[in-house]
Amino acid sequence: MACHPYPSEVKGKDVLRSSMSGGGQITTEKRKKRIMFYTYILRSINHPDQRYIGSTADLRKRIAAHNAGRVPHTAKSRPWKIETYIAFETEERARAFEIYLKSGSGHAFAKRHF
């Protein structure tokens, strides 16, 4: 039996190889329950010089809230489009990256890379 670096089955379960968690295998059951947390950068369509940085567990719902005017900080510059988003396994990491992006060096990083 040949050994494959990315097996498609382990004990009859569908798996996904995860580089984020040290190369471990994630079964289909675990994948369905996994919640991701996102740090995102929005750009105003009507005011392209305006950007907004935030984090959330439900990216689609949060963008809809921004575009519906339910977020006071972004209501005046709507509509918004997603410029970049990054997924994290924990809320703490997503929040920490959001805080970094809002710092002076984080703004420079985002401007250079996004």
PDB file of N, CA and C in Angstrom:
ATOM      1  N   MET A   1       0.834  -1.177   0.000  1.00  0.00           N
ATOM      2  CA  MET A   1       0.000   0.000   0.000  1.00  0.00           C
ATOM      3  C   MET A   1       0.882   1.245   0.000  1.00  0.00           C
ATOM      4  N   ALA A   2       0.630   2.170  -0.912  1.00  0.00           N
ATOM      5  CA  ALA A   2       1.434   3.379  -1.027  1.00  0.00           C
ATOM      6  C   ALA A   2       1.031   4.387   0.040  1.00  0.00           C
ATOM      7  N   CYS A   3       2.005   5.129   0.505  1.00  0.00           N
ATOM      8  CA  CYS A   3       1.748   6.175   1.503  1.00  0.00           C
ATOM      9  C   CYS A   3       1.601   7.506   0.775  1.00  0.00           C
ATOM     10  N   HIS A   4       0.490   8.185   0.973  1.00  0.00           N
ATOM     11  CA  HIS A   4       0.229   9.452   0.312  1.00  0.00           C
ATOM     12  C   HIS A   4       0.372  10.595   1.307  1.00  0.00           C
ATOM     13  N   PRO A   5       0.984  11.714   0.903  1.00  0.00           N
ATOM     14  CA  PRO A   5       1.167  12.824   1.838  1.00  0.00           C
ATOM     15  C   PRO A   5      -0.153  13.473   2.264  1.00  0.00           C
ATOM     16  N   TYR A   6      -1.186  13.385   1.458  1.00  0.00           N
ATOM     17  CA  TYR A   6      -2.475  13.986   1.778  1.00  0.00           C
ATOM     18  C   TYR A   6      -3.576  12.947   1.581  1.00  0.00           C
ATOM     19  N   PRO A   7      -3.758  12.044   2.537  1.00  0.00           N
ATOM     20  CA  PRO A   7      -4.768  11.006   2.356  1.00  0.00           C
ATOM     21  C   PRO A   7      -6.164  11.597   2.309  1.00  0.00           C
ATOM     22  N   SER A   8      -7.012  11.008   1.472  1.00  0.00           N
ATOM     23  CA  SER A   8      -8.375  11.514   1.358  1.00  0.00           C
ATOM     24  C   SER A   8      -9.299  10.847   2.358  1.00  0.00           C
ATOM     25  N   GLU A   9      -8.851   9.736   2.923  1.00  0.00           N
ATOM     26  CA  GLU A   9      -9.685   9.052   3.906  1.00  0.00           C
ATOM     27  C   GLU A   9      -8.830   8.572   5.062  1.00  0.00           C
ATOM     28  N   VAL A  10      -9.368   8.696   6.251  1.00  0.00           N
ATOM     29  CA  VAL A  10      -8.756   8.145   7.440  1.00  0.00           C
ATOM     30  C   VAL A  10      -9.861   7.429   8.193  1.00  0.00           C
ATOM     31  N   LYS A  11      -9.747   6.135   8.322  1.00  0.00           N
ATOM     32  CA  LYS A  11     -10.760   5.330   9.001  1.00  0.00           C
ATOM     33  C   LYS A  11     -12.158   5.629   8.479  1.00  0.00           C
ATOM     34  N   GLY A  12     -12.288   5.776   7.156  1.00  0.00           N
ATOM     35  CA  GLY A  12     -13.591   5.992   6.547  1.00  0.00           C
ATOM     36  C   GLY A  12     -14.121   7.406   6.651  1.00  0.00           C
ATOM     37  N   LYS A  13     -13.332   8.345   7.149  1.00  0.00           N
ATOM     38  CA  LYS A  13     -13.791   9.737   7.290  1.00  0.00           C
ATOM     39  C   LYS A  13     -13.080  10.625   6.281  1.00  0.00           C
ATOM     40  N   ASP A  14     -13.819  11.554   5.731  1.00  0.00           N
ATOM     41  CA  ASP A  14     -13.249  12.547   4.835  1.00  0.00           C
ATOM     42  C   ASP A  14     -12.394  13.495   5.676  1.00  0.00           C
ATOM     43  N   VAL A  15     -11.188  13.817   5.235  1.00  0.00           N
ATOM     44  CA  VAL A  15     -10.313  14.692   6.014  1.00  0.00           C
ATOM     45  C   VAL A  15      -9.758  15.817   5.165  1.00  0.00           C
ATOM     46  N   LEU A  16      -9.311  16.842   5.837  1.00  0.00           N
ATOM     47  CA  LEU A  16      -8.672  17.992   5.213  1.00  0.00           C
ATOM     48  C   LEU A  16      -7.367  18.215   5.941  1.00  0.00           C
ATOM     49  N   ARG A  17      -6.289  18.388   5.229  1.00  0.00           N
ATOM     50  CA  ARG A  17      -4.994  18.630   5.836  1.00  0.00           C
ATOM     51  C   ARG A  17      -4.910  20.108   6.171  1.00  0.00           C
ATOM     52  N   SER A  18      -4.573  20.456   7.398  1.00  0.00           N
ATOM     53  CA  SER A  18      -4.544  21.847   7.834  1.00  0.00           C
ATOM     54  C   SER A  18      -3.132  22.295   8.140  1.00  0.00           C
ATOM     55  N   SER A  19      -2.624  23.254   7.375  1.00  0.00           N
ATOM     56  CA  SER A  19      -1.302  23.798   7.646  1.00  0.00           C
ATOM     57  C   SER A  19      -1.348  24.769   8.814  1.00  0.00           C
ATOM     58  N   MET A  20      -2.512  25.350   9.102  1.00  0.00           N
ATOM     59  CA  MET A  20      -2.646  26.308  10.197  1.00  0.00           C
ATOM     60  C   MET A  20      -2.519  25.621  11.553  1.00  0.00           C
ATOM     61  N   SER A  21      -2.896  24.369  11.648  1.00  0.00           N
ATOM     62  CA  SER A  21      -2.858  23.687  12.939  1.00  0.00           C
ATOM     63  C   SER A  21      -1.719  22.676  13.000  1.00  0.00           C
ATOM     64  N   GLY A  22      -0.633  22.962  12.328  1.00  0.00           N
ATOM     65  CA  GLY A  22       0.534  22.107  12.396  1.00  0.00           C
ATOM     66  C   GLY A  22       0.463  20.872  11.517  1.00  0.00           C
ATOM     67  N   GLY A  23      -0.393  20.876  10.487  1.00  0.00           N
ATOM     68  CA  GLY A  23      -0.446  19.757   9.557  1.00  0.00           C
ATOM     69  C   GLY A  23      -1.341  18.627  10.001  1.00  0.00           C
ATOM     70  N   GLY A  24      -2.098  18.811  11.075  1.00  0.00           N
ATOM     71  CA  GLY A  24      -3.001  17.768  11.544  1.00  0.00           C
ATOM     72  C   GLY A  24      -4.154  17.572  10.588  1.00  0.00           C
ATOM     73  N   GLN A  25      -4.909  16.513  10.810  1.00  0.00           N
ATOM     74  CA  GLN A  25      -6.041  16.219   9.948  1.00  0.00           C
ATOM     75  C   GLN A  25      -7.328  16.655  10.626  1.00  0.00           C
ATOM     76  N   ILE A  26      -8.226  17.214   9.849  1.00  0.00           N
ATOM     77  CA  ILE A  26      -9.506  17.676  10.353  1.00  0.00           C
ATOM     78  C   ILE A  26     -10.590  16.847   9.688  1.00  0.00           C
ATOM     79  N   THR A  27     -11.381  16.143  10.460  1.00  0.00           N
ATOM     80  CA  THR A  27     -12.434  15.326   9.878  1.00  0.00           C
ATOM     81  C   THR A  27     -13.589  16.211   9.436  1.00  0.00           C
ATOM     82  N   THR A  28     -14.456  15.656   8.596  1.00  0.00           N
ATOM     83  CA  THR A  28     -15.615  16.393   8.105  1.00  0.00           C
ATOM     84  C   THR A  28     -16.476  16.873   9.260  1.00  0.00           C
ATOM     85  N   GLU A  29     -16.638  16.037  10.296  1.00  0.00           N
ATOM     86  CA  GLU A  29     -17.459  16.414  11.436  1.00  0.00           C
ATOM     87  C   GLU A  29     -16.903  17.658  12.120  1.00  0.00           C
ATOM     88  N   LYS A  30     -15.596  17.696  12.333  1.00  0.00           N
ATOM     89  CA  LYS A  30     -14.973  18.851  12.976  1.00  0.00           C
ATOM     90  C   LYS A  30     -15.046  20.080  12.078  1.00  0.00           C
ATOM     91  N   ARG A  31     -14.897  19.891  10.762  1.00  0.00           N
ATOM     92  CA  ARG A  31     -14.926  21.007   9.828  1.00  0.00           C
ATOM     93  C   ARG A  31     -16.285  21.693   9.865  1.00  0.00           C
ATOM     94  N   LYS A  32     -17.359  20.934   9.980  1.00  0.00           N
ATOM     95  CA  LYS A  32     -18.700  21.507   9.997  1.00  0.00           C
ATOM     96  C   LYS A  32     -18.929  22.353  11.244  1.00  0.00           C
ATOM     97  N   LYS A  33     -18.310  21.986  12.359  1.00  0.00           N
ATOM     98  CA  LYS A  33     -18.507  22.689  13.622  1.00  0.00           C
ATOM     99  C   LYS A  33     -17.552  23.858  13.799  1.00  0.00           C
ATOM    100  N   ARG A  34     -16.527  23.932  12.988  1.00  0.00           N
ATOM    101  CA  ARG A  34     -15.498  24.957  13.149  1.00  0.00           C
ATOM    102  C   ARG A  34     -16.058  26.337  12.848  1.00  0.00           C
ATOM    103  N   ILE A  35     -15.810  27.257  13.737  1.00  0.00           N
ATOM    104  CA  ILE A  35     -16.187  28.648  13.537  1.00  0.00           C
ATOM    105  C   ILE A  35     -14.905  29.418  13.287  1.00  0.00           C
ATOM    106  N   MET A  36     -14.901  30.222  12.245  1.00  0.00           N
ATOM    107  CA  MET A  36     -13.743  31.052  11.948  1.00  0.00           C
ATOM    108  C   MET A  36     -14.056  32.487  12.360  1.00  0.00           C
ATOM    109  N   PHE A  37     -13.024  33.244  12.618  1.00  0.00           N
ATOM    110  CA  PHE A  37     -13.148  34.646  12.976  1.00  0.00           C
ATOM    111  C   PHE A  37     -12.350  35.438  11.946  1.00  0.00           C
ATOM    112  N   TYR A  38     -12.872  36.567  11.547  1.00  0.00           N
ATOM    113  CA  TYR A  38     -12.303  37.314  10.431  1.00  0.00           C
ATOM    114  C   TYR A  38     -11.897  38.715  10.838  1.00  0.00           C
ATOM    115  N   THR A  39     -10.760  39.137  10.324  1.00  0.00           N
ATOM    116  CA  THR A  39     -10.363  40.537  10.354  1.00  0.00           C
ATOM    117  C   THR A  39     -10.523  41.005   8.917  1.00  0.00           C
ATOM    118  N   TYR A  40     -11.162  42.151   8.727  1.00  0.00           N
ATOM    119  CA  TYR A  40     -11.461  42.587   7.370  1.00  0.00           C
ATOM    120  C   TYR A  40     -11.140  44.067   7.179  1.00  0.00           C
ATOM    121  N   ILE A  41     -10.913  44.414   5.912  1.00  0.00           N
ATOM    122  CA  ILE A  41     -10.714  45.808   5.513  1.00  0.00           C
ATOM    123  C   ILE A  41     -11.753  46.114   4.454  1.00  0.00           C
ATOM    124  N   LEU A  42     -12.526  47.153   4.700  1.00  0.00           N
ATOM    125  CA  LEU A  42     -13.531  47.599   3.735  1.00  0.00           C
ATOM    126  C   LEU A  42     -13.055  48.878   3.069  1.00  0.00           C
ATOM    127  N   ARG A  43     -13.517  49.104   1.848  1.00  0.00           N
ATOM    128  CA  ARG A  43     -13.263  50.366   1.148  1.00  0.00           C
ATOM    129  C   ARG A  43     -14.606  50.898   0.687  1.00  0.00           C
ATOM    130  N   SER A  44     -14.814  52.185   0.909  1.00  0.00           N
ATOM    131  CA  SER A  44     -16.050  52.826   0.482  1.00  0.00           C
ATOM    132  C   SER A  44     -16.063  52.940  -1.035  1.00  0.00           C
ATOM    133  N   ILE A  45     -17.176  52.582  -1.634  1.00  0.00           N
ATOM    134  CA  ILE A  45     -17.307  52.682  -3.089  1.00  0.00           C
ATOM    135  C   ILE A  45     -17.451  54.143  -3.511  1.00  0.00           C
ATOM    136  N   ASN A  46     -18.227  54.918  -2.760  1.00  0.00           N
ATOM    137  CA  ASN A  46     -18.449  56.329  -3.107  1.00  0.00           C
ATOM    138  C   ASN A  46     -17.324  57.250  -2.659  1.00  0.00           C
ATOM    139  N   HIS A  47     -16.555  56.837  -1.664  1.00  0.00           N
ATOM    140  CA  HIS A  47     -15.430  57.628  -1.142  1.00  0.00           C
ATOM    141  C   HIS A  47     -14.214  56.705  -1.049  1.00  0.00           C
ATOM    142  N   PRO A  48     -13.557  56.419  -2.184  1.00  0.00           N
ATOM    143  CA  PRO A  48     -12.486  55.417  -2.223  1.00  0.00           C
ATOM    144  C   PRO A  48     -11.312  55.676  -1.272  1.00  0.00           C
ATOM    145  N   ASP A  49     -11.162  56.892  -0.780  1.00  0.00           N
ATOM    146  CA  ASP A  49     -10.089  57.165   0.172  1.00  0.00           C
ATOM    147  C   ASP A  49     -10.447  56.703   1.588  1.00  0.00           C
ATOM    148  N   GLN A  50     -11.710  56.305   1.819  1.00  0.00           N
ATOM    149  CA  GLN A  50     -12.168  55.856   3.132  1.00  0.00           C
ATOM    150  C   GLN A  50     -12.050  54.335   3.254  1.00  0.00           C
ATOM    151  N   ARG A  51     -11.381  53.903   4.337  1.00  0.00           N
ATOM    152  CA  ARG A  51     -11.254  52.483   4.638  1.00  0.00           C
ATOM    153  C   ARG A  51     -11.753  52.238   6.052  1.00  0.00           C
ATOM    154  N   TYR A  52     -12.185  51.022   6.293  1.00  0.00           N
ATOM    155  CA  TYR A  52     -12.619  50.632   7.633  1.00  0.00           C
ATOM    156  C   TYR A  52     -12.039  49.260   7.941  1.00  0.00           C
ATOM    157  N   ILE A  53     -11.533  49.090   9.167  1.00  0.00           N
ATOM    158  CA  ILE A  53     -10.948  47.831   9.604  1.00  0.00           C
ATOM    159  C   ILE A  53     -11.790  47.305  10.764  1.00  0.00           C
ATOM    160  N   GLY A  54     -12.153  46.026  10.703  1.00  0.00           N
ATOM    161  CA  GLY A  54     -12.952  45.430  11.772  1.00  0.00           C
ATOM    162  C   GLY A  54     -12.708  43.944  11.873  1.00  0.00           C
ATOM    163  N   SER A  55     -13.405  43.314  12.825  1.00  0.00           N
ATOM    164  CA  SER A  55     -13.335  41.861  12.969  1.00  0.00           C
ATOM    165  C   SER A  55     -14.707  41.333  13.351  1.00  0.00           C
ATOM    166  N   THR A  56     -14.976  40.076  12.990  1.00  0.00           N
ATOM    167  CA  THR A  56     -16.282  39.481  13.213  1.00  0.00           C
ATOM    168  C   THR A  56     -16.208  37.962  13.072  1.00  0.00           C
ATOM    169  N   ALA A  57     -17.238  37.286  13.568  1.00  0.00           N
ATOM    170  CA  ALA A  57     -17.356  35.845  13.361  1.00  0.00           C
ATOM    171  C   ALA A  57     -18.256  35.540  12.163  1.00  0.00           C
ATOM    172  N   ASP A  58     -19.057  36.516  11.737  1.00  0.00           N
ATOM    173  CA  ASP A  58     -19.974  36.323  10.600  1.00  0.00           C
ATOM    174  C   ASP A  58     -19.754  37.455   9.605  1.00  0.00           C
ATOM    175  N   LEU A  59     -18.861  37.231   8.669  1.00  0.00           N
ATOM    176  CA  LEU A  59     -18.442  38.281   7.738  1.00  0.00           C
ATOM    177  C   LEU A  59     -19.590  38.780   6.865  1.00  0.00           C
ATOM    178  N   ARG A  60     -20.381  37.886   6.312  1.00  0.00           N
ATOM    179  CA  ARG A  60     -21.487  38.313   5.441  1.00  0.00           C
ATOM    180  C   ARG A  60     -22.497  39.175   6.193  1.00  0.00           C
ATOM    181  N   LYS A  61     -22.837  38.762   7.389  1.00  0.00           N
ATOM    182  CA  LYS A  61     -23.802  39.514   8.196  1.00  0.00           C
ATOM    183  C   LYS A  61     -23.240  40.898   8.569  1.00  0.00           C
ATOM    184  N   ARG A  62     -21.958  40.939   8.889  1.00  0.00           N
ATOM    185  CA  ARG A  62     -21.336  42.211   9.289  1.00  0.00           C
ATOM    186  C   ARG A  62     -21.264  43.184   8.113  1.00  0.00           C
ATOM    187  N   ILE A  63     -20.911  42.718   6.926  1.00  0.00           N
ATOM    188  CA  ILE A  63     -20.854  43.578   5.740  1.00  0.00           C
ATOM    189  C   ILE A  63     -22.252  44.099   5.424  1.00  0.00           C
ATOM    190  N   ALA A  64     -23.249  43.234   5.548  1.00  0.00           N
ATOM    191  CA  ALA A  64     -24.634  43.661   5.321  1.00  0.00           C
ATOM    192  C   ALA A  64     -25.020  44.757   6.312  1.00  0.00           C
ATOM    193  N   ALA A  65     -24.584  44.640   7.553  1.00  0.00           N
ATOM    194  CA  ALA A  65     -24.872  45.668   8.560  1.00  0.00           C
ATOM    195  C   ALA A  65     -24.201  46.992   8.193  1.00  0.00           C
ATOM    196  N   HIS A  66     -22.952  46.934   7.734  1.00  0.00           N
ATOM    197  CA  HIS A  66     -22.260  48.157   7.299  1.00  0.00           C
ATOM    198  C   HIS A  66     -23.026  48.815   6.156  1.00  0.00           C
ATOM    199  N   ASN A  67     -23.417  48.029   5.169  1.00  0.00           N
ATOM    200  CA  ASN A  67     -24.085  48.586   3.983  1.00  0.00           C
ATOM    201  C   ASN A  67     -25.521  49.004   4.247  1.00  0.00           C
ATOM    202  N   ALA A  68     -26.136  48.504   5.307  1.00  0.00           N
ATOM    203  CA  ALA A  68     -27.504  48.901   5.670  1.00  0.00           C
ATOM    204  C   ALA A  68     -27.512  50.142   6.557  1.00  0.00           C
ATOM    205  N   GLY A  69     -26.331  50.603   6.958  1.00  0.00           N
ATOM    206  CA  GLY A  69     -26.257  51.794   7.794  1.00  0.00           C
ATOM    207  C   GLY A  69     -26.435  51.513   9.275  1.00  0.00           C
ATOM    208  N   ARG A  70     -26.357  50.251   9.694  1.00  0.00           N
ATOM    209  CA  ARG A  70     -26.539  49.893  11.097  1.00  0.00           C
ATOM    210  C   ARG A  70     -25.268  50.031  11.928  1.00  0.00           C
ATOM    211  N   VAL A  71     -24.162  50.440  11.291  1.00  0.00           N
ATOM    212  CA  VAL A  71     -22.906  50.687  12.006  1.00  0.00           C
ATOM    213  C   VAL A  71     -22.648  52.192  11.918  1.00  0.00           C
ATOM    214  N   PRO A  72     -22.833  52.919  13.036  1.00  0.00           N
ATOM    215  CA  PRO A  72     -22.724  54.387  12.994  1.00  0.00           C
ATOM    216  C   PRO A  72     -21.423  54.910  12.381  1.00  0.00           C
ATOM    217  N   HIS A  73     -20.313  54.240  12.649  1.00  0.00           N
ATOM    218  CA  HIS A  73     -19.023  54.729  12.160  1.00  0.00           C
ATOM    219  C   HIS A  73     -18.895  54.674  10.637  1.00  0.00           C
ATOM    220  N   THR A  74     -19.618  53.767   9.995  1.00  0.00           N
ATOM    221  CA  THR A  74     -19.479  53.602   8.551  1.00  0.00           C
ATOM    222  C   THR A  74     -20.704  54.037   7.749  1.00  0.00           C
ATOM    223  N   ALA A  75     -21.749  54.466   8.426  1.00  0.00           N
ATOM    224  CA  ALA A  75     -23.023  54.765   7.755  1.00  0.00           C
ATOM    225  C   ALA A  75     -22.898  55.864   6.697  1.00  0.00           C
ATOM    226  N   LYS A  76     -22.099  56.883   6.949  1.00  0.00           N
ATOM    227  CA  LYS A  76     -22.018  58.020   6.020  1.00  0.00           C
ATOM    228  C   LYS A  76     -21.259  57.716   4.730  1.00  0.00           C
ATOM    229  N   SER A  77     -20.424  56.689   4.741  1.00  0.00           N
ATOM    230  CA  SER A  77     -19.584  56.407   3.563  1.00  0.00           C
ATOM    231  C   SER A  77     -20.012  55.163   2.807  1.00  0.00           C
ATOM    232  N   ARG A  78     -21.208  54.684   3.033  1.00  0.00           N
ATOM    233  CA  ARG A  78     -21.651  53.478   2.344  1.00  0.00           C
ATOM    234  C   ARG A  78     -22.021  53.767   0.907  1.00  0.00           C
ATOM    235  N   PRO A  79     -22.046  52.809   0.041  1.00  0.00           N
ATOM    236  CA  PRO A  79     -21.832  51.380   0.260  1.00  0.00           C
ATOM    237  C   PRO A  79     -20.348  51.033   0.372  1.00  0.00           C
ATOM    238  N   TRP A  80     -20.106  49.862   0.981  1.00  0.00           N
ATOM    239  CA  TRP A  80     -18.757  49.363   1.209  1.00  0.00           C
ATOM    240  C   TRP A  80     -18.527  48.082   0.422  1.00  0.00           C
ATOM    241  N   LYS A  81     -17.273  47.854   0.061  1.00  0.00           N
ATOM    242  CA  LYS A  81     -16.895  46.576  -0.548  1.00  0.00           C
ATOM    243  C   LYS A  81     -15.735  46.013   0.260  1.00  0.00           C
ATOM    244  N   ILE A  82     -15.634  44.707   0.246  1.00  0.00           N
ATOM    245  CA  ILE A  82     -14.534  44.049   0.958  1.00  0.00           C
ATOM    246  C   ILE A  82     -13.269  44.210   0.135  1.00  0.00           C
ATOM    247  N   GLU A  83     -12.253  44.764   0.759  1.00  0.00           N
ATOM    248  CA  GLU A  83     -10.956  44.885   0.102  1.00  0.00           C
ATOM    249  C   GLU A  83     -10.107  43.654   0.427  1.00  0.00           C
ATOM    250  N   THR A  84     -10.109  43.252   1.699  1.00  0.00           N
ATOM    251  CA  THR A  84      -9.319  42.108   2.151  1.00  0.00           C
ATOM    252  C   THR A  84      -9.973  41.512   3.388  1.00  0.00           C
ATOM    253  N   TYR A  85      -9.866  40.200   3.543  1.00  0.00           N
ATOM    254  CA  TYR A  85     -10.231  39.592   4.820  1.00  0.00           C
ATOM    255  C   TYR A  85      -9.295  38.430   5.094  1.00  0.00           C
ATOM    256  N   ILE A  86      -9.049  38.193   6.365  1.00  0.00           N
ATOM    257  CA  ILE A  86      -8.166  37.136   6.807  1.00  0.00           C
ATOM    258  C   ILE A  86      -8.920  36.315   7.843  1.00  0.00           C
ATOM    259  N   ALA A  87      -8.894  34.996   7.723  1.00  0.00           N
ATOM    260  CA  ALA A  87      -9.594  34.110   8.653  1.00  0.00           C
ATOM    261  C   ALA A  87      -8.628  33.614   9.729  1.00  0.00           C
ATOM    262  N   PHE A  88      -9.136  33.561  10.964  1.00  0.00           N
ATOM    263  CA  PHE A  88      -8.371  33.070  12.109  1.00  0.00           C
ATOM    264  C   PHE A  88      -9.184  32.007  12.832  1.00  0.00           C
ATOM    265  N   GLU A  89      -8.498  31.114  13.525  1.00  0.00           N
ATOM    266  CA  GLU A  89      -9.180  30.070  14.277  1.00  0.00           C
ATOM    267  C   GLU A  89      -9.723  30.569  15.610  1.00  0.00           C
ATOM    268  N   THR A  90      -9.186  31.661  16.135  1.00  0.00           N
ATOM    269  CA  THR A  90      -9.666  32.168  17.421  1.00  0.00           C
ATOM    270  C   THR A  90     -10.047  33.638  17.303  1.00  0.00           C
ATOM    271  N   GLU A  91     -11.012  34.023  18.127  1.00  0.00           N
ATOM    272  CA  GLU A  91     -11.443  35.413  18.159  1.00  0.00           C
ATOM    273  C   GLU A  91     -10.318  36.316  18.649  1.00  0.00           C
ATOM    274  N   GLU A  92      -9.523  35.830  19.585  1.00  0.00           N
ATOM    275  CA  GLU A  92      -8.420  36.619  20.137  1.00  0.00           C
ATOM    276  C   GLU A  92      -7.405  36.995  19.062  1.00  0.00           C
ATOM    277  N   ARG A  93      -7.077  36.054  18.176  1.00  0.00           N
ATOM    278  CA  ARG A  93      -6.103  36.348  17.116  1.00  0.00           C
ATOM    279  C   ARG A  93      -6.671  37.327  16.093  1.00  0.00           C
ATOM    280  N   ALA A  94      -7.962  37.162  15.750  1.00  0.00           N
ATOM    281  CA  ALA A  94      -8.595  38.087  14.808  1.00  0.00           C
ATOM    282  C   ALA A  94      -8.623  39.486  15.395  1.00  0.00           C
ATOM    283  N   ARG A  95      -8.979  39.588  16.663  1.00  0.00           N
ATOM    284  CA  ARG A  95      -9.062  40.885  17.337  1.00  0.00           C
ATOM    285  C   ARG A  95      -7.678  41.529  17.459  1.00  0.00           C
ATOM    286  N   ALA A  96      -6.672  40.724  17.778  1.00  0.00           N
ATOM    287  CA  ALA A  96      -5.306  41.244  17.894  1.00  0.00           C
ATOM    288  C   ALA A  96      -4.814  41.777  16.546  1.00  0.00           C
ATOM    289  N   PHE A  97      -5.135  41.083  15.456  1.00  0.00           N
ATOM    290  CA  PHE A  97      -4.713  41.552  14.137  1.00  0.00           C
ATOM    291  C   PHE A  97      -5.463  42.826  13.754  1.00  0.00           C
ATOM    292  N   GLU A  98      -6.731  42.917  14.122  1.00  0.00           N
ATOM    293  CA  GLU A  98      -7.494  44.156  13.887  1.00  0.00           C
ATOM    294  C   GLU A  98      -6.840  45.320  14.617  1.00  0.00           C
ATOM    295  N   ILE A  99      -6.499  45.128  15.871  1.00  0.00           N
ATOM    296  CA  ILE A  99      -5.859  46.187  16.657  1.00  0.00           C
ATOM    297  C   ILE A  99      -4.527  46.579  16.036  1.00  0.00           C
ATOM    298  N   TYR A 100      -3.759  45.585  15.587  1.00  0.00           N
ATOM    299  CA  TYR A 100      -2.487  45.884  14.915  1.00  0.00           C
ATOM    300  C   TYR A 100      -2.714  46.710  13.654  1.00  0.00           C
ATOM    301  N   LEU A 101      -3.682  46.309  12.817  1.00  0.00           N
ATOM    302  CA  LEU A 101      -3.932  47.039  11.567  1.00  0.00           C
ATOM    303  C   LEU A 101      -4.366  48.480  11.819  1.00  0.00           C
ATOM    304  N   LYS A 102      -4.951  48.743  12.979  1.00  0.00           N
ATOM    305  CA  LYS A 102      -5.382  50.099  13.321  1.00  0.00           C
ATOM    306  C   LYS A 102      -4.253  50.933  13.912  1.00  0.00           C
ATOM    307  N   SER A 103      -3.101  50.319  14.166  1.00  0.00           N
ATOM    308  CA  SER A 103      -1.943  51.046  14.696  1.00  0.00           C
ATOM    309  C   SER A 103      -1.190  51.716  13.550  1.00  0.00           C
ATOM    310  N   GLY A 104      -0.250  52.557  13.881  1.00  0.00           N
ATOM    311  CA  GLY A 104       0.545  53.247  12.865  1.00  0.00           C
ATOM    312  C   GLY A 104       1.283  52.289  11.947  1.00  0.00           C
ATOM    313  N   SER A 105       2.002  51.326  12.521  1.00  0.00           N
ATOM    314  CA  SER A 105       2.740  50.380  11.683  1.00  0.00           C
ATOM    315  C   SER A 105       1.785  49.443  10.950  1.00  0.00           C
ATOM    316  N   GLY A 106       0.633  49.165  11.549  1.00  0.00           N
ATOM    317  CA  GLY A 106      -0.368  48.330  10.890  1.00  0.00           C
ATOM    318  C   GLY A 106      -0.972  49.008   9.679  1.00  0.00           C
ATOM    319  N   HIS A 107      -1.209  50.326   9.778  1.00  0.00           N
ATOM    320  CA  HIS A 107      -1.706  51.080   8.619  1.00  0.00           C
ATOM    321  C   HIS A 107      -0.688  51.022   7.483  1.00  0.00           C
ATOM    322  N   ALA A 108       0.580  51.187   7.821  1.00  0.00           N
ATOM    323  CA  ALA A 108       1.633  51.121   6.799  1.00  0.00           C
ATOM    324  C   ALA A 108       1.690  49.728   6.180  1.00  0.00           C
ATOM    325  N   PHE A 109       1.581  48.695   7.014  1.00  0.00           N
ATOM    326  CA  PHE A 109       1.565  47.317   6.522  1.00  0.00           C
ATOM    327  C   PHE A 109       0.412  47.083   5.571  1.00  0.00           C
ATOM    328  N   ALA A 110      -0.797  47.485   5.970  1.00  0.00           N
ATOM    329  CA  ALA A 110      -1.992  47.294   5.138  1.00  0.00           C
ATOM    330  C   ALA A 110      -1.878  48.059   3.827  1.00  0.00           C
ATOM    331  N   LYS A 111      -1.359  49.249   3.883  1.00  0.00           N
ATOM    332  CA  LYS A 111      -1.213  50.065   2.667  1.00  0.00           C
ATOM    333  C   LYS A 111      -0.251  49.404   1.678  1.00  0.00           C
ATOM    334  N   ARG A 112       0.814  48.816   2.218  1.00  0.00           N
ATOM    335  CA  ARG A 112       1.827  48.159   1.397  1.00  0.00           C
ATOM    336  C   ARG A 112       1.342  46.830   0.829  1.00  0.00           C
ATOM    337  N   HIS A 113       0.600  46.058   1.633  1.00  0.00           N
ATOM    338  CA  HIS A 113       0.293  44.679   1.248  1.00  0.00           C
ATOM    339  C   HIS A 113      -1.138  44.450   0.781  1.00  0.00           C
ATOM    340  N   PHE A 114      -2.059  45.333   1.114  1.00  0.00           N
ATOM    341  CA  PHE A 114      -3.451  45.153   0.703  1.00  0.00           C
ATOM    342  C   PHE A 114      -3.845  46.290  -0.172  1.00  0.00           C
TER     343      PHE A 114
END
